[in-house]
Amino acid sequence: MAAYLELYHSGKLRERIDAAVSLLESCSVCPRSCGVNRLAGDVGKCRTPREAIVSSYGPHFGEEAPLVGRHGSGTIFFTNCNLRCLFCQNYSISQQGEGQKVSKEELVDMMLSLQAKGCHNINLVSPTHVVPQVLEALELAVESGLHLPLVYNSGGYDSVETLRILDGIVDIYMPDMKYDDEETARELSGIENYPEVNKAAIKEMHRQTGDLEINEEGVAQRGLLVRHLVLPHGLAGTKGIVNFLSKEISRNTYVNIMDQYHPCYKAFQIPSLGRRISPAEFREALSLAQEAKLSRLDKIHPVEVLRIRSE
């Protein structure tokens, strides 16, 4: 049973919605705390007014295996982002605003459509700046029979205050851990204090849901799943991130160490970002995760599994 159903039936979901919507008046939904009145249609760093903006939605089979299962993850891609990553692979959505404003009723229709298609979950992609809008739609969707687990799929720059509103609502948290160095985060994503904010958010997400739980069919039901994209020249700070997860979260944290970085958008403005990662850089990242004693790594190439197990 999805976590939010209990809150809905107890009447407490409405309290959470009110708390979230109140953050829009002088916006502090995300850690940027722009202070603009989004209830009046003003926009801050996320460039999103009162209404959420959606670029696309549908069953997705390219996510992590525990989310995809047999029938796909029901993704809703929200337009815009509170980060400014120079290398974003979805930059037309996150940075250039590709998408359409949607009402809460339209969001409900999307959620119910994904459920009707047999998707295993509702995967909210880049939801950080539209949490209030999602919750408003969620209440109506539950009234119409929504029961799938919610996946909160974010860039990891999330407010602990907002995450606490989501306690008992989100089933699966899937944040990025992009950087372990503040200066690098500022240069590559235009953000302050990313490592500090990110780690606090990860701790709160894990406090709420614990380690990732997967049922007998291999489908995730609840818990934390962390994504870490390996960047050229060690820019992502993999060692610090895997050590943090091992020592301060759990050695049983489900981690996807990703090797698909390729230069795009404005990456060529930074010489160190102007190439793909090498096989050696990816192997080093996997070795660092092994040395940190993380036991659940997603998408490891078979040859890497054999190498790691033999050491």
C-alpha atoms as a PDB file:
ATOM      1  CA  MET A   1       0.000   0.000   0.000  1.00  0.00           C
ATOM      2  CA  ALA A   2       1.333   3.434  -0.918  1.00  0.00           C
ATOM      3  CA  ALA A   3       2.334   5.453   2.130  1.00  0.00           C
ATOM      4  CA  TYR A   4       0.131   8.445   1.329  1.00  0.00           C
ATOM      5  CA  LEU A   5      -3.092   6.402   1.559  1.00  0.00           C
ATOM      6  CA  GLU A   6      -2.849   6.239   5.348  1.00  0.00           C
ATOM      7  CA  LEU A   7      -2.392  10.005   5.593  1.00  0.00           C
ATOM      8  CA  TYR A   8      -5.295  10.560   3.230  1.00  0.00           C
ATOM      9  CA  HIS A   9      -7.695   8.347   5.175  1.00  0.00           C
ATOM     10  CA  SER A  10      -6.654   9.943   8.482  1.00  0.00           C
ATOM     11  CA  GLY A  11      -7.342  13.420   7.099  1.00  0.00           C
ATOM     12  CA  LYS A  12      -3.724  14.504   7.626  1.00  0.00           C
ATOM     13  CA  LEU A  13      -2.838  14.748   3.946  1.00  0.00           C
ATOM     14  CA  ARG A  14      -4.813  17.987   3.737  1.00  0.00           C
ATOM     15  CA  GLU A  15      -2.650  19.469   6.532  1.00  0.00           C
ATOM     16  CA  ARG A  16       0.483  18.631   4.554  1.00  0.00           C
ATOM     17  CA  ILE A  17      -0.953  20.211   1.403  1.00  0.00           C
ATOM     18  CA  ASP A  18      -1.738  23.424   3.266  1.00  0.00           C
ATOM     19  CA  ALA A  19       1.768  23.510   4.735  1.00  0.00           C
ATOM     20  CA  ALA A  20       3.351  23.010   1.317  1.00  0.00           C
ATOM     21  CA  VAL A  21       1.210  25.604  -0.455  1.00  0.00           C
ATOM     22  CA  SER A  22       2.020  28.166   2.243  1.00  0.00           C
ATOM     23  CA  LEU A  23       5.685  27.923   1.217  1.00  0.00           C
ATOM     24  CA  LEU A  24       4.814  29.418  -2.176  1.00  0.00           C
ATOM     25  CA  GLU A  25       3.744  32.816  -0.826  1.00  0.00           C
ATOM     26  CA  SER A  26       7.316  33.820  -0.064  1.00  0.00           C
ATOM     27  CA  CYS A  27       8.835  30.878  -1.806  1.00  0.00           C
ATOM     28  CA  SER A  28      11.010  28.588   0.275  1.00  0.00           C
ATOM     29  CA  VAL A  29      10.007  25.312  -1.357  1.00  0.00           C
ATOM     30  CA  CYS A  30      13.663  24.605  -2.191  1.00  0.00           C
ATOM     31  CA  PRO A  31      16.915  25.687  -0.516  1.00  0.00           C
ATOM     32  CA  ARG A  32      17.294  28.691  -2.820  1.00  0.00           C
ATOM     33  CA  SER A  33      14.498  30.403  -0.831  1.00  0.00           C
ATOM     34  CA  CYS A  34      13.912  33.037  -3.507  1.00  0.00           C
ATOM     35  CA  GLY A  35      11.149  34.702  -1.475  1.00  0.00           C
ATOM     36  CA  VAL A  36       8.963  35.499  -4.497  1.00  0.00           C
ATOM     37  CA  ASN A  37       5.174  35.176  -4.311  1.00  0.00           C
ATOM     38  CA  ARG A  38       4.473  32.241  -6.593  1.00  0.00           C
ATOM     39  CA  LEU A  39       0.842  32.242  -5.479  1.00  0.00           C
ATOM     40  CA  ALA A  40       0.581  35.540  -7.356  1.00  0.00           C
ATOM     41  CA  GLY A  41       2.377  34.113 -10.388  1.00  0.00           C
ATOM     42  CA  ASP A  42       5.832  35.503  -9.667  1.00  0.00           C
ATOM     43  CA  VAL A  43       8.830  33.343 -10.560  1.00  0.00           C
ATOM     44  CA  GLY A  44      12.198  32.814  -8.930  1.00  0.00           C
ATOM     45  CA  LYS A  45      15.265  30.785  -9.854  1.00  0.00           C
ATOM     46  CA  CYS A  46      13.148  27.782 -10.893  1.00  0.00           C
ATOM     47  CA  ARG A  47      11.211  29.950 -13.384  1.00  0.00           C
ATOM     48  CA  THR A  48       7.972  28.210 -12.393  1.00  0.00           C
ATOM     49  CA  PRO A  49       4.867  30.214 -11.362  1.00  0.00           C
ATOM     50  CA  ARG A  50       1.774  28.961  -9.512  1.00  0.00           C
ATOM     51  CA  GLU A  51       1.144  26.142 -11.968  1.00  0.00           C
ATOM     52  CA  ALA A  52       3.445  23.203 -12.490  1.00  0.00           C
ATOM     53  CA  ILE A  53       4.923  22.788 -15.978  1.00  0.00           C
ATOM     54  CA  VAL A  54       5.257  19.323 -17.527  1.00  0.00           C
ATOM     55  CA  SER A  55       7.297  18.371 -20.572  1.00  0.00           C
ATOM     56  CA  SER A  56       6.087  14.774 -20.970  1.00  0.00           C
ATOM     57  CA  TYR A  57       4.792  11.718 -19.170  1.00  0.00           C
ATOM     58  CA  GLY A  58       4.552   7.992 -19.847  1.00  0.00           C
ATOM     59  CA  PRO A  59       5.886   4.532 -18.983  1.00  0.00           C
ATOM     60  CA  HIS A  60       9.691   4.596 -18.856  1.00  0.00           C
ATOM     61  CA  PHE A  61      11.878   1.518 -19.277  1.00  0.00           C
ATOM     62  CA  GLY A  62      15.263   3.205 -18.961  1.00  0.00           C
ATOM     63  CA  GLU A  63      15.237   3.723 -15.202  1.00  0.00           C
ATOM     64  CA  GLU A  64      16.838   1.443 -12.608  1.00  0.00           C
ATOM     65  CA  ALA A  65      15.607  -2.156 -12.759  1.00  0.00           C
ATOM     66  CA  PRO A  66      13.724  -2.082  -9.410  1.00  0.00           C
ATOM     67  CA  LEU A  67      11.644   0.858 -10.680  1.00  0.00           C
ATOM     68  CA  VAL A  68      10.990  -0.500 -14.168  1.00  0.00           C
ATOM     69  CA  GLY A  69       9.925  -4.054 -13.357  1.00  0.00           C
ATOM     70  CA  ARG A  70       7.920  -5.589 -16.211  1.00  0.00           C
ATOM     71  CA  HIS A  71       5.604  -2.696 -17.000  1.00  0.00           C
ATOM     72  CA  GLY A  72       7.738   0.398 -16.626  1.00  0.00           C
ATOM     73  CA  SER A  73       8.091   3.333 -14.265  1.00  0.00           C
ATOM     74  CA  GLY A  74       5.329   5.916 -14.659  1.00  0.00           C
ATOM     75  CA  THR A  75       7.374   9.061 -15.204  1.00  0.00           C
ATOM     76  CA  ILE A  76       6.133  12.641 -15.154  1.00  0.00           C
ATOM     77  CA  PHE A  77       8.891  15.022 -16.301  1.00  0.00           C
ATOM     78  CA  PHE A  78       8.523  18.439 -14.704  1.00  0.00           C
ATOM     79  CA  THR A  79       9.971  21.364 -16.600  1.00  0.00           C
ATOM     80  CA  ASN A  80      12.667  23.618 -15.103  1.00  0.00           C
ATOM     81  CA  CYS A  81      15.023  22.941 -12.228  1.00  0.00           C
ATOM     82  CA  ASN A  82      16.580  24.699  -9.249  1.00  0.00           C
ATOM     83  CA  LEU A  83      20.054  23.751 -10.529  1.00  0.00           C
ATOM     84  CA  ARG A  84      21.969  25.181 -13.492  1.00  0.00           C
ATOM     85  CA  CYS A  85      24.094  22.215 -14.530  1.00  0.00           C
ATOM     86  CA  LEU A  86      26.256  23.136 -17.517  1.00  0.00           C
ATOM     87  CA  PHE A  87      26.275  19.502 -18.677  1.00  0.00           C
ATOM     88  CA  CYS A  88      22.592  18.631 -18.219  1.00  0.00           C
ATOM     89  CA  GLN A  89      21.546  15.926 -20.665  1.00  0.00           C
ATOM     90  CA  ASN A  90      17.910  17.081 -20.469  1.00  0.00           C
ATOM     91  CA  TYR A  91      18.751  20.760 -20.836  1.00  0.00           C
ATOM     92  CA  SER A  92      15.860  21.531 -23.192  1.00  0.00           C
ATOM     93  CA  ILE A  93      13.541  20.636 -20.317  1.00  0.00           C
ATOM     94  CA  SER A  94      15.522  21.695 -17.261  1.00  0.00           C
ATOM     95  CA  GLN A  95      17.130  24.875 -18.590  1.00  0.00           C
ATOM     96  CA  GLN A  96      15.217  25.972 -21.695  1.00  0.00           C
ATOM     97  CA  GLY A  97      11.713  25.480 -20.333  1.00  0.00           C
ATOM     98  CA  GLU A  98      10.317  22.965 -22.799  1.00  0.00           C
ATOM     99  CA  GLY A  99       6.832  22.036 -21.581  1.00  0.00           C
ATOM    100  CA  GLN A 100       3.294  23.217 -20.888  1.00  0.00           C
ATOM    101  CA  LYS A 101       1.586  24.576 -17.785  1.00  0.00           C
ATOM    102  CA  VAL A 102      -0.803  22.050 -16.288  1.00  0.00           C
ATOM    103  CA  SER A 103      -3.646  22.300 -13.812  1.00  0.00           C
ATOM    104  CA  LYS A 104      -3.907  19.972 -10.829  1.00  0.00           C
ATOM    105  CA  GLU A 105      -6.715  18.168 -12.647  1.00  0.00           C
ATOM    106  CA  GLU A 106      -4.424  17.539 -15.606  1.00  0.00           C
ATOM    107  CA  LEU A 107      -1.752  16.171 -13.268  1.00  0.00           C
ATOM    108  CA  VAL A 108      -4.357  13.833 -11.794  1.00  0.00           C
ATOM    109  CA  ASP A 109      -5.216  12.562 -15.271  1.00  0.00           C
ATOM    110  CA  MET A 110      -1.546  11.855 -15.936  1.00  0.00           C
ATOM    111  CA  MET A 111      -1.157   9.872 -12.724  1.00  0.00           C
ATOM    112  CA  LEU A 112      -4.278   7.815 -13.335  1.00  0.00           C
ATOM    113  CA  SER A 113      -3.308   7.197 -16.955  1.00  0.00           C
ATOM    114  CA  LEU A 114       0.065   5.801 -15.875  1.00  0.00           C
ATOM    115  CA  GLN A 115      -1.617   3.572 -13.325  1.00  0.00           C
ATOM    116  CA  ALA A 116      -4.071   2.328 -15.969  1.00  0.00           C
ATOM    117  CA  LYS A 117      -1.111   1.431 -18.212  1.00  0.00           C
ATOM    118  CA  GLY A 118       0.184  -0.914 -15.513  1.00  0.00           C
ATOM    119  CA  CYS A 119       3.177   1.135 -14.361  1.00  0.00           C
ATOM    120  CA  HIS A 120       4.658   0.072 -11.030  1.00  0.00           C
ATOM    121  CA  ASN A 121       4.970   3.580  -9.593  1.00  0.00           C
ATOM    122  CA  ILE A 122       4.457   7.294 -10.213  1.00  0.00           C
ATOM    123  CA  ASN A 123       7.951   8.658 -10.847  1.00  0.00           C
ATOM    124  CA  LEU A 124       8.097  12.420 -10.270  1.00  0.00           C
ATOM    125  CA  VAL A 125      11.136  13.639 -12.205  1.00  0.00           C
ATOM    126  CA  SER A 126      12.578  16.976 -10.979  1.00  0.00           C
ATOM    127  CA  PRO A 127       9.776  17.624  -8.468  1.00  0.00           C
ATOM    128  CA  THR A 128      11.776  19.766  -6.023  1.00  0.00           C
ATOM    129  CA  HIS A 129      10.236  23.082  -7.067  1.00  0.00           C
ATOM    130  CA  VAL A 130       6.659  21.803  -7.523  1.00  0.00           C
ATOM    131  CA  VAL A 131       6.021  19.815  -4.335  1.00  0.00           C
ATOM    132  CA  PRO A 132       2.903  21.869  -3.423  1.00  0.00           C
ATOM    133  CA  GLN A 133       1.387  21.368  -6.866  1.00  0.00           C
ATOM    134  CA  VAL A 134       2.074  17.627  -6.751  1.00  0.00           C
ATOM    135  CA  LEU A 135       0.400  17.280  -3.359  1.00  0.00           C
ATOM    136  CA  GLU A 136      -2.679  19.190  -4.496  1.00  0.00           C
ATOM    137  CA  ALA A 137      -3.031  16.771  -7.412  1.00  0.00           C
ATOM    138  CA  LEU A 138      -2.263  13.745  -5.257  1.00  0.00           C
ATOM    139  CA  GLU A 139      -5.279  14.355  -3.020  1.00  0.00           C
ATOM    140  CA  LEU A 140      -7.626  14.398  -6.005  1.00  0.00           C
ATOM    141  CA  ALA A 141      -5.905  11.399  -7.558  1.00  0.00           C
ATOM    142  CA  VAL A 142      -6.399   9.316  -4.406  1.00  0.00           C
ATOM    143  CA  GLU A 143     -10.085  10.216  -4.457  1.00  0.00           C
ATOM    144  CA  SER A 144     -10.178   8.742  -7.966  1.00  0.00           C
ATOM    145  CA  GLY A 145      -8.385   5.531  -6.995  1.00  0.00           C
ATOM    146  CA  LEU A 146      -4.635   6.191  -7.234  1.00  0.00           C
ATOM    147  CA  HIS A 147      -2.697   3.692  -5.150  1.00  0.00           C
ATOM    148  CA  LEU A 148       0.779   3.398  -6.721  1.00  0.00           C
ATOM    149  CA  PRO A 149       3.968   4.197  -4.759  1.00  0.00           C
ATOM    150  CA  LEU A 150       5.417   7.667  -5.312  1.00  0.00           C
ATOM    151  CA  VAL A 151       9.027   8.072  -6.454  1.00  0.00           C
ATOM    152  CA  TYR A 152      10.704  11.415  -5.691  1.00  0.00           C
ATOM    153  CA  ASN A 153      13.407  11.682  -8.375  1.00  0.00           C
ATOM    154  CA  SER A 154      15.431  14.833  -7.722  1.00  0.00           C
ATOM    155  CA  GLY A 155      18.761  16.528  -8.289  1.00  0.00           C
ATOM    156  CA  GLY A 156      19.381  16.274  -4.569  1.00  0.00           C
ATOM    157  CA  TYR A 157      19.245  19.989  -3.772  1.00  0.00           C
ATOM    158  CA  ASP A 158      16.200  19.647  -1.535  1.00  0.00           C
ATOM    159  CA  SER A 159      14.981  21.498   1.536  1.00  0.00           C
ATOM    160  CA  VAL A 160      14.750  19.413   4.698  1.00  0.00           C
ATOM    161  CA  GLU A 161      11.689  21.466   5.708  1.00  0.00           C
ATOM    162  CA  THR A 162       9.919  20.490   2.492  1.00  0.00           C
ATOM    163  CA  LEU A 163      11.045  16.879   2.793  1.00  0.00           C
ATOM    164  CA  ARG A 164       9.493  16.701   6.259  1.00  0.00           C
ATOM    165  CA  ILE A 165       6.172  17.681   4.724  1.00  0.00           C
ATOM    166  CA  LEU A 166       6.598  14.650   2.461  1.00  0.00           C
ATOM    167  CA  ASP A 167       7.208  12.254   5.368  1.00  0.00           C
ATOM    168  CA  GLY A 168       4.668   9.465   5.016  1.00  0.00           C
ATOM    169  CA  ILE A 169       3.779  10.539   1.466  1.00  0.00           C
ATOM    170  CA  VAL A 170       6.802   9.566  -0.637  1.00  0.00           C
ATOM    171  CA  ASP A 171       7.570   5.855  -0.797  1.00  0.00           C
ATOM    172  CA  ILE A 172      10.837   5.894  -2.739  1.00  0.00           C
ATOM    173  CA  TYR A 173      13.411   8.668  -2.771  1.00  0.00           C
ATOM    174  CA  MET A 174      15.821   8.717  -5.709  1.00  0.00           C
ATOM    175  CA  PRO A 175      18.107  11.761  -5.352  1.00  0.00           C
ATOM    176  CA  ASP A 176      21.326  12.576  -7.139  1.00  0.00           C
ATOM    177  CA  MET A 177      24.540  13.041  -5.241  1.00  0.00           C
ATOM    178  CA  LYS A 178      26.338  15.199  -7.794  1.00  0.00           C
ATOM    179  CA  TYR A 179      29.338  16.658  -5.987  1.00  0.00           C
ATOM    180  CA  ASP A 180      31.386  16.418  -2.831  1.00  0.00           C
ATOM    181  CA  ASP A 181      33.034  19.806  -3.351  1.00  0.00           C
ATOM    182  CA  GLU A 182      31.254  23.141  -2.932  1.00  0.00           C
ATOM    183  CA  GLU A 183      33.433  25.077  -5.378  1.00  0.00           C
ATOM    184  CA  THR A 184      32.877  22.485  -8.104  1.00  0.00           C
ATOM    185  CA  ALA A 185      29.118  22.603  -7.534  1.00  0.00           C
ATOM    186  CA  ARG A 186      29.158  26.374  -7.790  1.00  0.00           C
ATOM    187  CA  GLU A 187      31.113  26.318 -11.036  1.00  0.00           C
ATOM    188  CA  LEU A 188      29.269  23.487 -12.768  1.00  0.00           C
ATOM    189  CA  SER A 189      25.728  23.872 -11.405  1.00  0.00           C
ATOM    190  CA  GLY A 190      25.523  27.474 -10.230  1.00  0.00           C
ATOM    191  CA  ILE A 191      24.531  26.483  -6.719  1.00  0.00           C
ATOM    192  CA  GLU A 192      25.746  27.329  -3.210  1.00  0.00           C
ATOM    193  CA  ASN A 193      26.412  24.808  -0.457  1.00  0.00           C
ATOM    194  CA  TYR A 194      25.415  21.794  -2.553  1.00  0.00           C
ATOM    195  CA  PRO A 195      27.347  19.149  -0.561  1.00  0.00           C
ATOM    196  CA  GLU A 196      26.017  20.376   2.796  1.00  0.00           C
ATOM    197  CA  VAL A 197      22.410  20.695   1.591  1.00  0.00           C
ATOM    198  CA  ASN A 198      22.554  17.439  -0.345  1.00  0.00           C
ATOM    199  CA  LYS A 199      23.873  15.380   2.548  1.00  0.00           C
ATOM    200  CA  ALA A 200      21.268  16.785   4.946  1.00  0.00           C
ATOM    201  CA  ALA A 201      18.561  15.907   2.431  1.00  0.00           C
ATOM    202  CA  ILE A 202      19.874  12.353   1.979  1.00  0.00           C
ATOM    203  CA  LYS A 203      19.869  11.832   5.737  1.00  0.00           C
ATOM    204  CA  GLU A 204      16.263  12.987   5.973  1.00  0.00           C
ATOM    205  CA  MET A 205      15.171  10.813   3.042  1.00  0.00           C
ATOM    206  CA  HIS A 206      16.782   7.756   4.607  1.00  0.00           C
ATOM    207  CA  ARG A 207      15.306   8.581   8.025  1.00  0.00           C
ATOM    208  CA  GLN A 208      11.852   8.524   6.469  1.00  0.00           C
ATOM    209  CA  THR A 209      12.080   5.429   4.284  1.00  0.00           C
ATOM    210  CA  GLY A 210      15.208   3.430   5.160  1.00  0.00           C
ATOM    211  CA  ASP A 211      17.134   1.187   2.777  1.00  0.00           C
ATOM    212  CA  LEU A 212      15.482   0.218  -0.498  1.00  0.00           C
ATOM    213  CA  GLU A 213      12.981  -2.626  -0.124  1.00  0.00           C
ATOM    214  CA  ILE A 214      12.385  -4.804  -3.189  1.00  0.00           C
ATOM    215  CA  ASN A 215       9.593  -7.376  -3.415  1.00  0.00           C
ATOM    216  CA  GLU A 216       9.786 -10.935  -4.705  1.00  0.00           C
ATOM    217  CA  GLU A 217       9.116  -9.702  -8.243  1.00  0.00           C
ATOM    218  CA  GLY A 218      12.148  -7.411  -8.119  1.00  0.00           C
ATOM    219  CA  VAL A 219      10.117  -4.204  -7.861  1.00  0.00           C
ATOM    220  CA  ALA A 220      10.995  -1.456  -5.377  1.00  0.00           C
ATOM    221  CA  GLN A 221       8.363  -0.751  -2.733  1.00  0.00           C
ATOM    222  CA  ARG A 222       9.974   1.723  -0.354  1.00  0.00           C
ATOM    223  CA  GLY A 223      13.323   3.228   0.552  1.00  0.00           C
ATOM    224  CA  LEU A 224      16.290   5.223  -0.713  1.00  0.00           C
ATOM    225  CA  LEU A 225      18.029   4.814  -4.073  1.00  0.00           C
ATOM    226  CA  VAL A 226      20.971   7.145  -4.786  1.00  0.00           C
ATOM    227  CA  ARG A 227      22.304   8.124  -8.208  1.00  0.00           C
ATOM    228  CA  HIS A 228      25.869   9.305  -8.726  1.00  0.00           C
ATOM    229  CA  LEU A 229      27.114  10.375 -12.154  1.00  0.00           C
ATOM    230  CA  VAL A 230      30.858   9.908 -12.622  1.00  0.00           C
ATOM    231  CA  LEU A 231      32.434  12.995 -14.208  1.00  0.00           C
ATOM    232  CA  PRO A 232      35.801  13.327 -15.977  1.00  0.00           C
ATOM    233  CA  HIS A 233      38.887  14.107 -13.894  1.00  0.00           C
ATOM    234  CA  GLY A 234      37.164  13.091 -10.648  1.00  0.00           C
ATOM    235  CA  LEU A 235      35.043  16.260 -10.603  1.00  0.00           C
ATOM    236  CA  ALA A 236      32.086  14.503  -8.955  1.00  0.00           C
ATOM    237  CA  GLY A 237      34.111  13.658  -5.837  1.00  0.00           C
ATOM    238  CA  THR A 238      33.114   9.989  -5.846  1.00  0.00           C
ATOM    239  CA  LYS A 239      35.328   9.001  -2.923  1.00  0.00           C
ATOM    240  CA  GLY A 240      33.745  11.493  -0.534  1.00  0.00           C
ATOM    241  CA  ILE A 241      30.237  10.552  -1.618  1.00  0.00           C
ATOM    242  CA  VAL A 242      30.583   6.779  -1.275  1.00  0.00           C
ATOM    243  CA  ASN A 243      32.306   7.189   2.089  1.00  0.00           C
ATOM    244  CA  PHE A 244      29.469   9.430   3.286  1.00  0.00           C
ATOM    245  CA  LEU A 245      26.864   6.886   2.226  1.00  0.00           C
ATOM    246  CA  SER A 246      28.732   4.027   3.863  1.00  0.00           C
ATOM    247  CA  LYS A 247      29.515   5.770   7.142  1.00  0.00           C
ATOM    248  CA  GLU A 248      26.565   8.116   7.661  1.00  0.00           C
ATOM    249  CA  ILE A 249      23.668   6.472   5.824  1.00  0.00           C
ATOM    250  CA  SER A 250      24.006   2.697   5.355  1.00  0.00           C
ATOM    251  CA  ARG A 251      26.338   0.211   3.718  1.00  0.00           C
ATOM    252  CA  ASN A 252      23.137  -1.295   2.342  1.00  0.00           C
ATOM    253  CA  THR A 253      22.287   1.884   0.404  1.00  0.00           C
ATOM    254  CA  TYR A 254      21.225   1.063  -3.157  1.00  0.00           C
ATOM    255  CA  VAL A 255      23.552   3.125  -5.358  1.00  0.00           C
ATOM    256  CA  ASN A 256      23.588   3.573  -9.110  1.00  0.00           C
ATOM    257  CA  ILE A 257      27.067   4.702 -10.129  1.00  0.00           C
ATOM    258  CA  MET A 258      26.433   5.979 -13.644  1.00  0.00           C
ATOM    259  CA  ASP A 259      28.878   5.934 -16.533  1.00  0.00           C
ATOM    260  CA  GLN A 260      26.817   7.737 -19.198  1.00  0.00           C
ATOM    261  CA  TYR A 261      28.310  11.212 -18.934  1.00  0.00           C
ATOM    262  CA  HIS A 262      28.850  12.863 -22.300  1.00  0.00           C
ATOM    263  CA  PRO A 263      29.487  16.529 -23.108  1.00  0.00           C
ATOM    264  CA  CYS A 264      26.371  18.463 -24.046  1.00  0.00           C
ATOM    265  CA  TYR A 265      24.651  21.824 -23.496  1.00  0.00           C
ATOM    266  CA  LYS A 266      27.365  24.167 -22.164  1.00  0.00           C
ATOM    267  CA  ALA A 267      29.864  21.507 -21.081  1.00  0.00           C
ATOM    268  CA  PHE A 268      32.357  22.524 -23.754  1.00  0.00           C
ATOM    269  CA  GLN A 269      32.795  25.860 -21.957  1.00  0.00           C
ATOM    270  CA  ILE A 270      34.692  23.905 -19.285  1.00  0.00           C
ATOM    271  CA  PRO A 271      37.756  22.124 -20.712  1.00  0.00           C
ATOM    272  CA  SER A 272      37.675  19.423 -18.067  1.00  0.00           C
ATOM    273  CA  LEU A 273      34.114  18.482 -19.080  1.00  0.00           C
ATOM    274  CA  GLY A 274      34.859  18.256 -22.798  1.00  0.00           C
ATOM    275  CA  ARG A 275      35.101  14.466 -23.062  1.00  0.00           C
ATOM    276  CA  ARG A 276      33.378  11.282 -21.934  1.00  0.00           C
ATOM    277  CA  ILE A 277      34.729   9.474 -18.904  1.00  0.00           C
ATOM    278  CA  SER A 278      37.294   6.772 -19.573  1.00  0.00           C
ATOM    279  CA  PRO A 279      36.854   3.085 -18.669  1.00  0.00           C
ATOM    280  CA  ALA A 280      39.603   3.565 -16.092  1.00  0.00           C
ATOM    281  CA  GLU A 281      37.702   6.419 -14.418  1.00  0.00           C
ATOM    282  CA  PHE A 282      34.566   4.299 -14.193  1.00  0.00           C
ATOM    283  CA  ARG A 283      36.514   1.326 -12.793  1.00  0.00           C
ATOM    284  CA  GLU A 284      38.053   3.618 -10.196  1.00  0.00           C
ATOM    285  CA  ALA A 285      34.606   4.834  -9.125  1.00  0.00           C
ATOM    286  CA  LEU A 286      33.405   1.252  -8.699  1.00  0.00           C
ATOM    287  CA  SER A 287      36.540   0.369  -6.745  1.00  0.00           C
ATOM    288  CA  LEU A 288      35.985   3.323  -4.431  1.00  0.00           C
ATOM    289  CA  ALA A 289      32.453   2.120  -3.756  1.00  0.00           C
ATOM    290  CA  GLN A 290      33.774  -1.347  -2.998  1.00  0.00           C
ATOM    291  CA  GLU A 291      36.447   0.048  -0.676  1.00  0.00           C
ATOM    292  CA  ALA A 292      33.699   1.963   1.145  1.00  0.00           C
ATOM    293  CA  LYS A 293      31.958  -1.417   1.603  1.00  0.00           C
ATOM    294  CA  LEU A 294      28.762  -0.400  -0.189  1.00  0.00           C
ATOM    295  CA  SER A 295      27.041  -3.680  -0.981  1.00  0.00           C
ATOM    296  CA  ARG A 296      24.254  -2.750  -3.441  1.00  0.00           C
ATOM    297  CA  LEU A 297      25.546  -1.255  -6.680  1.00  0.00           C
ATOM    298  CA  ASP A 298      23.263  -0.980  -9.705  1.00  0.00           C
ATOM    299  CA  LYS A 299      24.231  -1.442 -13.363  1.00  0.00           C
ATOM    300  CA  ILE A 300      27.721  -2.851 -12.843  1.00  0.00           C
ATOM    301  CA  HIS A 301      29.052  -4.395 -16.035  1.00  0.00           C
ATOM    302  CA  PRO A 302      29.453  -8.217 -15.700  1.00  0.00           C
ATOM    303  CA  VAL A 303      33.214  -7.974 -16.141  1.00  0.00           C
ATOM    304  CA  GLU A 304      33.342  -5.471 -13.302  1.00  0.00           C
ATOM    305  CA  VAL A 305      31.309  -7.765 -11.050  1.00  0.00           C
ATOM    306  CA  LEU A 306      33.776 -10.581 -11.674  1.00  0.00           C
ATOM    307  CA  ARG A 307      36.756  -8.313 -11.077  1.00  0.00           C
ATOM    308  CA  ILE A 308      35.364  -6.850  -7.869  1.00  0.00           C
ATOM    309  CA  ARG A 309      34.341 -10.225  -6.460  1.00  0.00           C
ATOM    310  CA  SER A 310      37.793 -11.659  -7.161  1.00  0.00           C
ATOM    311  CA  GLU A 311      39.557  -8.985  -5.131  1.00  0.00           C
END
